[in-house]
Amino acid sequence: GVVLEPFSEVGDGTVLYPCAVLGHHCLIGKDCIVHGGAVIGADGFGFFDQKGQRHKIPQIGNVVIGDDVEIGASCTIDRAAIESTTVGAFTKIDDQVHIGHNSQVGRYIYIVGNTAIGGSVVIEDGAMISGMVIIKDHLRIAKGSIVMGMSGVAQDTEPGQAYFGTPARPARQMHKMNAA
């Protein structure tokens, strides 16, 4: 039940479980695991309005997945509008995570289940994103940042800082606010 669309490529040692979909021109590195129902390379959510009508923006880019990446069941990673949505080597993505088009996910990232990452987000190396997190489009999650569960990130983060809340703020600041 795996679907490999035209011109997709799968690296040596990579395992695709039932019902995984790899869109056209999308690439997966070696020694990866893609669990069932994951869709890599669906169209991004791009539209524009003109004269009272809504038009779909063609998504002609692809998705490039590095080596030793694990993608959980029912994940969706949208293709870029023109270039590539990327996921770096050694990144681990839990079940039911959405990564929006044009996003750049670095190396050694953990993303826990039920997280939604907007389009054109940059997540730098070593960041950790806990479960049920929402990240607004066009943000930068800095190297080594930690976003705690059930947070809504609406601004860029600082390197090595922990964040939580809605809107997400530095954890120390949120603890002081909650204590007050």
N, C-alpha and C. Protein backbone atom coordinates (compact mmCIF):
# COMPACT_ATOMS: atom_id res chain seq x y z
N GLY A 1 0.79 -1.22 0.00
CA GLY A 1 0.00 0.00 0.00
C GLY A 1 0.83 1.27 0.00
N VAL A 2 2.14 1.17 -0.13
CA VAL A 2 2.98 2.37 -0.19
C VAL A 2 2.85 3.00 -1.58
N VAL A 3 2.81 4.33 -1.63
CA VAL A 3 2.73 5.03 -2.91
C VAL A 3 4.01 5.83 -3.10
N LEU A 4 4.73 5.54 -4.18
CA LEU A 4 5.90 6.34 -4.58
C LEU A 4 5.55 7.00 -5.90
N GLU A 5 5.36 8.31 -5.86
CA GLU A 5 4.99 9.03 -7.07
C GLU A 5 6.22 9.19 -7.97
N PRO A 6 6.00 9.55 -9.24
CA PRO A 6 7.11 9.65 -10.19
C PRO A 6 8.26 10.52 -9.70
N PHE A 7 9.46 10.05 -9.97
CA PHE A 7 10.72 10.75 -9.69
C PHE A 7 11.02 10.89 -8.20
N SER A 8 10.30 10.19 -7.34
CA SER A 8 10.65 10.17 -5.92
C SER A 8 11.83 9.22 -5.74
N GLU A 9 12.61 9.44 -4.68
CA GLU A 9 13.78 8.60 -4.43
C GLU A 9 13.82 8.22 -2.95
N VAL A 10 14.16 6.94 -2.70
CA VAL A 10 14.26 6.41 -1.34
C VAL A 10 15.65 5.84 -1.15
N GLY A 11 16.35 6.28 -0.08
CA GLY A 11 17.71 5.84 0.18
C GLY A 11 17.79 4.41 0.69
N ASP A 12 18.99 3.84 0.59
CA ASP A 12 19.25 2.47 1.06
C ASP A 12 18.89 2.32 2.53
N GLY A 13 18.29 1.18 2.86
CA GLY A 13 17.98 0.86 4.23
C GLY A 13 16.77 1.56 4.80
N THR A 14 16.10 2.39 4.01
CA THR A 14 14.91 3.10 4.48
C THR A 14 13.70 2.16 4.42
N VAL A 15 12.87 2.23 5.46
CA VAL A 15 11.68 1.39 5.55
C VAL A 15 10.45 2.29 5.47
N LEU A 16 9.54 1.96 4.54
CA LEU A 16 8.26 2.66 4.41
C LEU A 16 7.16 1.69 4.81
N TYR A 17 6.38 2.04 5.82
CA TYR A 17 5.31 1.17 6.29
C TYR A 17 4.04 1.40 5.47
N PRO A 18 3.05 0.51 5.60
CA PRO A 18 1.85 0.58 4.76
C PRO A 18 1.18 1.96 4.76
N CYS A 19 0.70 2.31 3.58
CA CYS A 19 -0.06 3.54 3.33
C CYS A 19 0.78 4.81 3.41
N ALA A 20 2.10 4.71 3.47
CA ALA A 20 2.94 5.90 3.38
C ALA A 20 2.92 6.39 1.94
N VAL A 21 2.97 7.72 1.77
CA VAL A 21 2.96 8.32 0.44
C VAL A 21 4.17 9.23 0.31
N LEU A 22 4.90 9.07 -0.77
CA LEU A 22 6.02 9.94 -1.09
C LEU A 22 5.71 10.62 -2.42
N GLY A 23 5.49 11.93 -2.37
CA GLY A 23 5.09 12.71 -3.54
C GLY A 23 6.17 12.80 -4.59
N HIS A 24 5.75 13.26 -5.78
CA HIS A 24 6.68 13.34 -6.90
C HIS A 24 7.86 14.28 -6.60
N HIS A 25 9.04 13.84 -7.02
CA HIS A 25 10.31 14.56 -6.86
C HIS A 25 10.78 14.67 -5.40
N CYS A 26 10.10 14.01 -4.47
CA CYS A 26 10.52 14.05 -3.06
C CYS A 26 11.60 13.02 -2.80
N LEU A 27 12.51 13.33 -1.89
CA LEU A 27 13.67 12.50 -1.62
C LEU A 27 13.75 12.14 -0.15
N ILE A 28 14.02 10.86 0.13
CA ILE A 28 14.25 10.41 1.50
C ILE A 28 15.63 9.79 1.55
N GLY A 29 16.42 10.17 2.54
CA GLY A 29 17.78 9.65 2.69
C GLY A 29 17.81 8.20 3.12
N LYS A 30 19.00 7.76 3.49
CA LYS A 30 19.19 6.35 3.87
C LYS A 30 18.85 6.12 5.34
N ASP A 31 18.50 4.86 5.64
CA ASP A 31 18.25 4.39 7.00
C ASP A 31 17.16 5.18 7.73
N CYS A 32 16.15 5.60 7.00
CA CYS A 32 15.00 6.30 7.59
C CYS A 32 13.87 5.32 7.86
N ILE A 33 12.93 5.73 8.69
CA ILE A 33 11.70 4.98 8.94
C ILE A 33 10.54 5.94 8.73
N VAL A 34 9.60 5.53 7.88
CA VAL A 34 8.39 6.32 7.64
C VAL A 34 7.21 5.42 8.00
N HIS A 35 6.50 5.77 9.06
CA HIS A 35 5.41 4.93 9.55
C HIS A 35 4.14 5.11 8.72
N GLY A 36 3.21 4.21 8.94
CA GLY A 36 2.00 4.14 8.13
C GLY A 36 1.18 5.42 8.10
N GLY A 37 0.67 5.72 6.92
CA GLY A 37 -0.21 6.86 6.74
C GLY A 37 0.48 8.20 6.63
N ALA A 38 1.80 8.23 6.73
CA ALA A 38 2.51 9.50 6.57
C ALA A 38 2.44 9.94 5.11
N VAL A 39 2.24 11.24 4.89
CA VAL A 39 2.19 11.80 3.55
C VAL A 39 3.28 12.85 3.43
N ILE A 40 4.24 12.56 2.60
CA ILE A 40 5.38 13.47 2.40
C ILE A 40 5.29 14.02 0.98
N GLY A 41 5.05 15.32 0.88
CA GLY A 41 5.01 15.95 -0.43
C GLY A 41 3.63 16.33 -0.92
N ALA A 42 2.65 16.46 -0.01
CA ALA A 42 1.35 16.99 -0.41
C ALA A 42 1.50 18.48 -0.71
N ASP A 43 0.56 19.03 -1.44
CA ASP A 43 0.59 20.47 -1.73
C ASP A 43 0.54 21.28 -0.44
N GLY A 44 1.29 22.36 -0.41
CA GLY A 44 1.21 23.30 0.69
C GLY A 44 -0.09 24.08 0.63
N PHE A 45 -0.43 24.75 1.72
CA PHE A 45 -1.68 25.49 1.83
C PHE A 45 -1.43 26.91 1.35
N GLY A 46 -1.44 27.10 0.03
CA GLY A 46 -1.15 28.40 -0.55
C GLY A 46 -2.28 28.87 -1.46
N PHE A 47 -2.87 30.03 -1.12
CA PHE A 47 -3.97 30.59 -1.89
C PHE A 47 -3.81 32.10 -1.96
N PHE A 48 -4.43 32.72 -2.97
CA PHE A 48 -4.52 34.17 -3.01
C PHE A 48 -5.90 34.54 -3.52
N ASP A 49 -6.39 35.69 -3.08
CA ASP A 49 -7.70 36.18 -3.49
C ASP A 49 -7.53 37.28 -4.52
N GLN A 50 -8.34 37.20 -5.57
CA GLN A 50 -8.29 38.22 -6.61
C GLN A 50 -9.70 38.41 -7.15
N LYS A 51 -10.18 39.63 -7.07
CA LYS A 51 -11.50 39.99 -7.58
C LYS A 51 -12.59 39.07 -7.04
N GLY A 52 -12.53 38.83 -5.73
CA GLY A 52 -13.56 38.04 -5.09
C GLY A 52 -13.47 36.54 -5.31
N GLN A 53 -12.41 36.08 -5.96
CA GLN A 53 -12.24 34.65 -6.17
C GLN A 53 -10.96 34.18 -5.51
N ARG A 54 -11.00 32.95 -5.00
CA ARG A 54 -9.84 32.35 -4.35
C ARG A 54 -9.14 31.43 -5.35
N HIS A 55 -7.82 31.60 -5.49
CA HIS A 55 -7.03 30.82 -6.43
C HIS A 55 -5.93 30.06 -5.68
N LYS A 56 -5.71 28.82 -6.07
CA LYS A 56 -4.65 27.99 -5.49
C LYS A 56 -3.31 28.37 -6.10
N ILE A 57 -2.30 28.53 -5.26
CA ILE A 57 -0.94 28.79 -5.73
C ILE A 57 -0.30 27.44 -6.02
N PRO A 58 0.16 27.20 -7.24
CA PRO A 58 0.78 25.90 -7.54
C PRO A 58 1.99 25.65 -6.64
N GLN A 59 2.07 24.43 -6.13
CA GLN A 59 3.17 24.01 -5.26
C GLN A 59 4.05 23.07 -6.09
N ILE A 60 5.13 23.59 -6.63
CA ILE A 60 5.95 22.79 -7.56
C ILE A 60 7.28 22.36 -6.97
N GLY A 61 7.50 22.66 -5.69
CA GLY A 61 8.74 22.25 -5.04
C GLY A 61 8.68 20.80 -4.60
N ASN A 62 9.50 20.45 -3.62
CA ASN A 62 9.52 19.08 -3.13
C ASN A 62 9.81 19.05 -1.64
N VAL A 63 10.04 17.84 -1.13
CA VAL A 63 10.47 17.62 0.26
C VAL A 63 11.75 16.81 0.20
N VAL A 64 12.74 17.21 1.00
CA VAL A 64 14.01 16.48 1.09
C VAL A 64 14.21 16.08 2.55
N ILE A 65 14.29 14.77 2.78
CA ILE A 65 14.48 14.22 4.13
C ILE A 65 15.90 13.68 4.23
N GLY A 66 16.64 14.07 5.28
CA GLY A 66 18.01 13.60 5.47
C GLY A 66 18.09 12.15 5.92
N ASP A 67 19.29 11.71 6.23
CA ASP A 67 19.54 10.33 6.67
C ASP A 67 19.12 10.13 8.13
N ASP A 68 18.75 8.87 8.47
CA ASP A 68 18.45 8.47 9.84
C ASP A 68 17.32 9.29 10.47
N VAL A 69 16.32 9.61 9.68
CA VAL A 69 15.15 10.35 10.16
C VAL A 69 14.02 9.35 10.39
N GLU A 70 13.25 9.56 11.46
CA GLU A 70 12.05 8.75 11.69
C GLU A 70 10.84 9.66 11.65
N ILE A 71 9.84 9.27 10.88
CA ILE A 71 8.61 10.04 10.72
C ILE A 71 7.45 9.17 11.17
N GLY A 72 6.71 9.65 12.16
CA GLY A 72 5.64 8.87 12.76
C GLY A 72 4.42 8.70 11.89
N ALA A 73 3.49 7.86 12.38
CA ALA A 73 2.26 7.57 11.66
C ALA A 73 1.42 8.83 11.49
N SER A 74 0.80 8.93 10.33
CA SER A 74 -0.15 10.01 10.01
C SER A 74 0.47 11.40 10.06
N CYS A 75 1.76 11.51 9.82
CA CYS A 75 2.41 12.83 9.70
C CYS A 75 2.18 13.37 8.30
N THR A 76 2.19 14.68 8.18
CA THR A 76 2.13 15.31 6.87
C THR A 76 3.24 16.34 6.77
N ILE A 77 3.98 16.27 5.67
CA ILE A 77 5.04 17.24 5.40
C ILE A 77 4.77 17.79 4.00
N ASP A 78 4.39 19.07 3.93
CA ASP A 78 3.99 19.67 2.66
C ASP A 78 5.19 20.05 1.80
N ARG A 79 5.02 19.86 0.50
CA ARG A 79 6.04 20.27 -0.47
C ARG A 79 6.15 21.79 -0.47
N ALA A 80 7.30 22.29 -0.84
CA ALA A 80 7.52 23.73 -0.94
C ALA A 80 6.83 24.28 -2.18
N ALA A 81 6.57 25.57 -2.15
CA ALA A 81 5.95 26.21 -3.31
C ALA A 81 6.89 26.14 -4.51
N ILE A 82 8.17 26.45 -4.32
CA ILE A 82 9.13 26.47 -5.42
C ILE A 82 10.36 25.63 -5.12
N GLU A 83 10.94 25.76 -3.95
CA GLU A 83 12.19 25.08 -3.64
C GLU A 83 11.95 23.77 -2.89
N SER A 84 12.50 23.62 -1.68
CA SER A 84 12.37 22.37 -0.92
C SER A 84 11.98 22.64 0.52
N THR A 85 11.03 21.87 1.02
CA THR A 85 10.82 21.73 2.45
C THR A 85 11.84 20.69 2.90
N THR A 86 12.58 20.95 4.00
CA THR A 86 13.64 20.02 4.38
C THR A 86 13.51 19.56 5.83
N VAL A 87 13.97 18.33 6.05
CA VAL A 87 14.09 17.77 7.40
C VAL A 87 15.50 17.20 7.49
N GLY A 88 16.30 17.71 8.44
CA GLY A 88 17.70 17.33 8.55
C GLY A 88 17.91 15.96 9.17
N ALA A 89 19.12 15.46 9.01
CA ALA A 89 19.51 14.13 9.49
C ALA A 89 19.29 13.98 10.99
N PHE A 90 18.97 12.75 11.39
CA PHE A 90 18.82 12.33 12.78
C PHE A 90 17.63 12.97 13.51
N THR A 91 16.73 13.59 12.77
CA THR A 91 15.54 14.19 13.36
C THR A 91 14.50 13.11 13.60
N LYS A 92 13.77 13.21 14.70
CA LYS A 92 12.74 12.23 15.07
C LYS A 92 11.42 12.96 15.22
N ILE A 93 10.42 12.51 14.44
CA ILE A 93 9.11 13.15 14.41
C ILE A 93 8.08 12.12 14.86
N ASP A 94 7.33 12.45 15.89
CA ASP A 94 6.31 11.57 16.45
C ASP A 94 5.07 11.54 15.54
N ASP A 95 4.05 10.78 15.94
CA ASP A 95 2.82 10.65 15.16
C ASP A 95 2.05 11.97 15.07
N GLN A 96 1.30 12.12 13.98
CA GLN A 96 0.36 13.21 13.77
C GLN A 96 0.97 14.60 13.90
N VAL A 97 2.11 14.78 13.30
CA VAL A 97 2.77 16.08 13.24
C VAL A 97 2.59 16.63 11.83
N HIS A 98 2.31 17.93 11.74
CA HIS A 98 2.20 18.59 10.43
C HIS A 98 3.34 19.59 10.29
N ILE A 99 4.05 19.53 9.16
CA ILE A 99 5.10 20.50 8.85
C ILE A 99 4.69 21.21 7.58
N GLY A 100 4.50 22.53 7.67
CA GLY A 100 4.02 23.33 6.56
C GLY A 100 5.05 23.52 5.46
N HIS A 101 4.56 23.94 4.31
CA HIS A 101 5.40 24.11 3.13
C HIS A 101 6.50 25.16 3.36
N ASN A 102 7.63 24.91 2.72
CA ASN A 102 8.82 25.77 2.75
C ASN A 102 9.55 25.77 4.09
N SER A 103 9.13 24.94 5.03
CA SER A 103 9.80 24.91 6.34
C SER A 103 11.16 24.23 6.22
N GLN A 104 12.06 24.60 7.11
CA GLN A 104 13.42 24.05 7.16
C GLN A 104 13.64 23.53 8.57
N VAL A 105 13.57 22.21 8.73
CA VAL A 105 13.76 21.57 10.03
C VAL A 105 15.19 21.05 10.06
N GLY A 106 15.94 21.44 11.07
CA GLY A 106 17.37 21.11 11.14
C GLY A 106 17.66 19.68 11.55
N ARG A 107 18.88 19.48 12.00
CA ARG A 107 19.38 18.16 12.41
C ARG A 107 19.17 17.96 13.91
N TYR A 108 19.03 16.69 14.30
CA TYR A 108 18.90 16.30 15.71
C TYR A 108 17.75 17.03 16.40
N ILE A 109 16.61 17.10 15.75
CA ILE A 109 15.42 17.73 16.29
C ILE A 109 14.49 16.64 16.81
N TYR A 110 13.79 16.90 17.89
CA TYR A 110 12.69 16.05 18.35
C TYR A 110 11.41 16.87 18.23
N ILE A 111 10.39 16.28 17.58
CA ILE A 111 9.08 16.91 17.48
C ILE A 111 8.05 15.88 17.95
N VAL A 112 7.35 16.20 19.04
CA VAL A 112 6.42 15.27 19.66
C VAL A 112 5.02 15.44 19.04
N GLY A 113 4.18 14.42 19.19
CA GLY A 113 2.89 14.29 18.53
C GLY A 113 1.94 15.46 18.65
N ASN A 114 1.06 15.54 17.66
CA ASN A 114 0.01 16.56 17.58
C ASN A 114 0.55 17.97 17.52
N THR A 115 1.70 18.14 16.93
CA THR A 115 2.29 19.46 16.75
C THR A 115 2.03 19.93 15.33
N ALA A 116 1.72 21.22 15.20
CA ALA A 116 1.49 21.82 13.88
C ALA A 116 2.48 22.95 13.67
N ILE A 117 3.26 22.84 12.60
CA ILE A 117 4.29 23.82 12.28
C ILE A 117 3.87 24.55 11.02
N GLY A 118 3.71 25.84 11.10
CA GLY A 118 3.26 26.64 9.96
C GLY A 118 4.28 26.65 8.84
N GLY A 119 3.88 27.23 7.73
CA GLY A 119 4.76 27.32 6.57
C GLY A 119 5.93 28.26 6.79
N SER A 120 7.03 27.97 6.14
CA SER A 120 8.24 28.80 6.15
C SER A 120 8.85 28.98 7.53
N VAL A 121 8.66 28.00 8.41
CA VAL A 121 9.28 28.03 9.74
C VAL A 121 10.68 27.43 9.62
N VAL A 122 11.64 28.02 10.34
CA VAL A 122 12.99 27.47 10.43
C VAL A 122 13.19 26.97 11.85
N ILE A 123 13.51 25.68 11.98
CA ILE A 123 13.83 25.10 13.29
C ILE A 123 15.29 24.70 13.25
N GLU A 124 16.10 25.39 14.04
CA GLU A 124 17.54 25.16 14.00
C GLU A 124 17.92 23.89 14.77
N ASP A 125 19.13 23.42 14.51
CA ASP A 125 19.64 22.16 15.06
C ASP A 125 19.44 22.06 16.57
N GLY A 126 19.10 20.85 17.01
CA GLY A 126 19.05 20.53 18.43
C GLY A 126 17.83 21.04 19.18
N ALA A 127 16.85 21.60 18.50
CA ALA A 127 15.65 22.07 19.19
C ALA A 127 14.77 20.90 19.57
N MET A 128 13.95 21.10 20.60
CA MET A 128 13.00 20.08 21.04
C MET A 128 11.63 20.73 21.12
N ILE A 129 10.66 20.12 20.42
CA ILE A 129 9.30 20.64 20.38
C ILE A 129 8.40 19.58 21.02
N SER A 130 7.79 19.90 22.15
CA SER A 130 6.94 18.95 22.86
C SER A 130 5.58 18.81 22.18
N GLY A 131 4.71 17.99 22.76
CA GLY A 131 3.44 17.67 22.15
C GLY A 131 2.42 18.79 22.17
N MET A 132 1.54 18.76 21.17
CA MET A 132 0.43 19.70 21.04
C MET A 132 0.90 21.15 20.98
N VAL A 133 1.99 21.40 20.29
CA VAL A 133 2.53 22.75 20.12
C VAL A 133 2.09 23.27 18.75
N ILE A 134 1.77 24.56 18.70
CA ILE A 134 1.46 25.23 17.45
C ILE A 134 2.54 26.29 17.23
N ILE A 135 3.15 26.28 16.04
CA ILE A 135 4.17 27.29 15.70
C ILE A 135 3.67 28.09 14.51
N LYS A 136 3.51 29.38 14.71
CA LYS A 136 3.04 30.29 13.67
C LYS A 136 4.00 30.29 12.48
N ASP A 137 3.48 30.55 11.30
CA ASP A 137 4.31 30.57 10.10
C ASP A 137 5.36 31.68 10.14
N HIS A 138 6.43 31.48 9.40
CA HIS A 138 7.53 32.44 9.20
C HIS A 138 8.32 32.75 10.48
N LEU A 139 8.40 31.81 11.41
CA LEU A 139 9.17 32.02 12.63
C LEU A 139 10.47 31.24 12.60
N ARG A 140 11.38 31.59 13.51
CA ARG A 140 12.65 30.87 13.68
C ARG A 140 12.69 30.35 15.11
N ILE A 141 12.82 29.02 15.22
CA ILE A 141 13.03 28.38 16.51
C ILE A 141 14.54 28.17 16.61
N ALA A 142 15.17 28.90 17.51
CA ALA A 142 16.64 28.97 17.56
C ALA A 142 17.26 27.66 18.04
N LYS A 143 18.53 27.52 17.73
CA LYS A 143 19.31 26.33 18.07
C LYS A 143 19.18 26.00 19.55
N GLY A 144 18.83 24.74 19.83
CA GLY A 144 18.75 24.27 21.20
C GLY A 144 17.54 24.75 21.98
N SER A 145 16.61 25.44 21.34
CA SER A 145 15.40 25.88 22.04
C SER A 145 14.55 24.68 22.43
N ILE A 146 13.80 24.86 23.52
CA ILE A 146 12.85 23.85 23.97
C ILE A 146 11.49 24.53 24.05
N VAL A 147 10.51 23.96 23.35
CA VAL A 147 9.14 24.46 23.44
C VAL A 147 8.33 23.41 24.17
N MET A 148 7.82 23.77 25.35
CA MET A 148 7.10 22.83 26.20
C MET A 148 5.69 22.59 25.66
N GLY A 149 5.09 21.49 26.08
CA GLY A 149 3.81 21.03 25.57
C GLY A 149 2.68 22.03 25.69
N MET A 150 1.77 21.95 24.74
CA MET A 150 0.56 22.76 24.67
C MET A 150 0.87 24.26 24.61
N SER A 151 1.95 24.63 23.93
CA SER A 151 2.32 26.02 23.79
C SER A 151 1.96 26.52 22.40
N GLY A 152 1.74 27.82 22.31
CA GLY A 152 1.51 28.46 21.02
C GLY A 152 2.61 29.47 20.77
N VAL A 153 3.48 29.20 19.81
CA VAL A 153 4.65 30.05 19.55
C VAL A 153 4.28 31.08 18.50
N ALA A 154 4.38 32.37 18.89
CA ALA A 154 4.00 33.45 18.00
C ALA A 154 5.15 34.41 17.70
N GLN A 155 6.35 34.11 18.23
CA GLN A 155 7.52 34.94 17.94
C GLN A 155 8.77 34.08 17.95
N ASP A 156 9.84 34.57 17.33
CA ASP A 156 11.09 33.83 17.27
C ASP A 156 11.59 33.53 18.69
N THR A 157 12.35 32.44 18.83
CA THR A 157 12.92 32.09 20.13
C THR A 157 14.40 32.44 20.17
N GLU A 158 14.96 32.38 21.36
CA GLU A 158 16.38 32.63 21.57
C GLU A 158 17.10 31.29 21.75
N PRO A 159 18.38 31.20 21.36
CA PRO A 159 19.11 29.93 21.47
C PRO A 159 19.14 29.39 22.89
N GLY A 160 18.87 28.07 23.02
CA GLY A 160 19.00 27.39 24.29
C GLY A 160 17.96 27.73 25.34
N GLN A 161 16.98 28.53 25.00
CA GLN A 161 15.96 28.98 25.95
C GLN A 161 14.76 28.03 25.94
N ALA A 162 14.14 27.83 27.10
CA ALA A 162 12.91 27.03 27.19
C ALA A 162 11.71 27.97 27.17
N TYR A 163 10.63 27.54 26.49
CA TYR A 163 9.43 28.36 26.32
C TYR A 163 8.20 27.54 26.64
N PHE A 164 7.17 28.22 27.19
CA PHE A 164 5.87 27.57 27.27
C PHE A 164 4.78 28.62 27.43
N GLY A 165 3.55 28.18 27.22
CA GLY A 165 2.39 29.04 27.35
C GLY A 165 1.83 29.44 26.00
N THR A 166 0.71 30.17 26.08
CA THR A 166 0.07 30.70 24.87
C THR A 166 -0.27 32.14 25.13
N PRO A 167 0.44 33.09 24.55
CA PRO A 167 1.57 32.86 23.66
C PRO A 167 2.80 32.39 24.44
N ALA A 168 3.64 31.60 23.80
CA ALA A 168 4.83 31.05 24.46
C ALA A 168 5.79 32.18 24.82
N ARG A 169 6.28 32.10 26.05
CA ARG A 169 7.26 33.05 26.55
C ARG A 169 8.36 32.25 27.23
N PRO A 170 9.51 32.89 27.53
CA PRO A 170 10.55 32.15 28.25
C PRO A 170 9.97 31.54 29.53
N ALA A 171 10.35 30.30 29.80
CA ALA A 171 9.78 29.54 30.92
C ALA A 171 9.92 30.27 32.24
N ARG A 172 11.06 30.87 32.50
CA ARG A 172 11.27 31.59 33.77
C ARG A 172 10.25 32.72 33.92
N GLN A 173 10.03 33.46 32.84
CA GLN A 173 9.05 34.56 32.86
C GLN A 173 7.64 34.01 33.11
N MET A 174 7.30 32.90 32.47
CA MET A 174 5.97 32.31 32.66
C MET A 174 5.78 31.82 34.09
N HIS A 175 6.83 31.24 34.68
CA HIS A 175 6.72 30.79 36.07
C HIS A 175 6.44 31.98 37.00
N LYS A 176 7.12 33.10 36.78
CA LYS A 176 6.89 34.30 37.59
C LYS A 176 5.48 34.81 37.40
N MET A 177 5.00 34.83 36.16
CA MET A 177 3.64 35.31 35.89
C MET A 177 2.61 34.41 36.56
N ASN A 178 2.81 33.09 36.47
CA ASN A 178 1.86 32.16 37.08
C ASN A 178 1.87 32.26 38.60
N ALA A 179 3.05 32.48 39.18
CA ALA A 179 3.16 32.60 40.63
C ALA A 179 2.45 33.86 41.13
N ALA A 180 2.51 34.92 40.32
CA ALA A 180 1.86 36.18 40.71
C ALA A 180 0.37 36.02 40.68
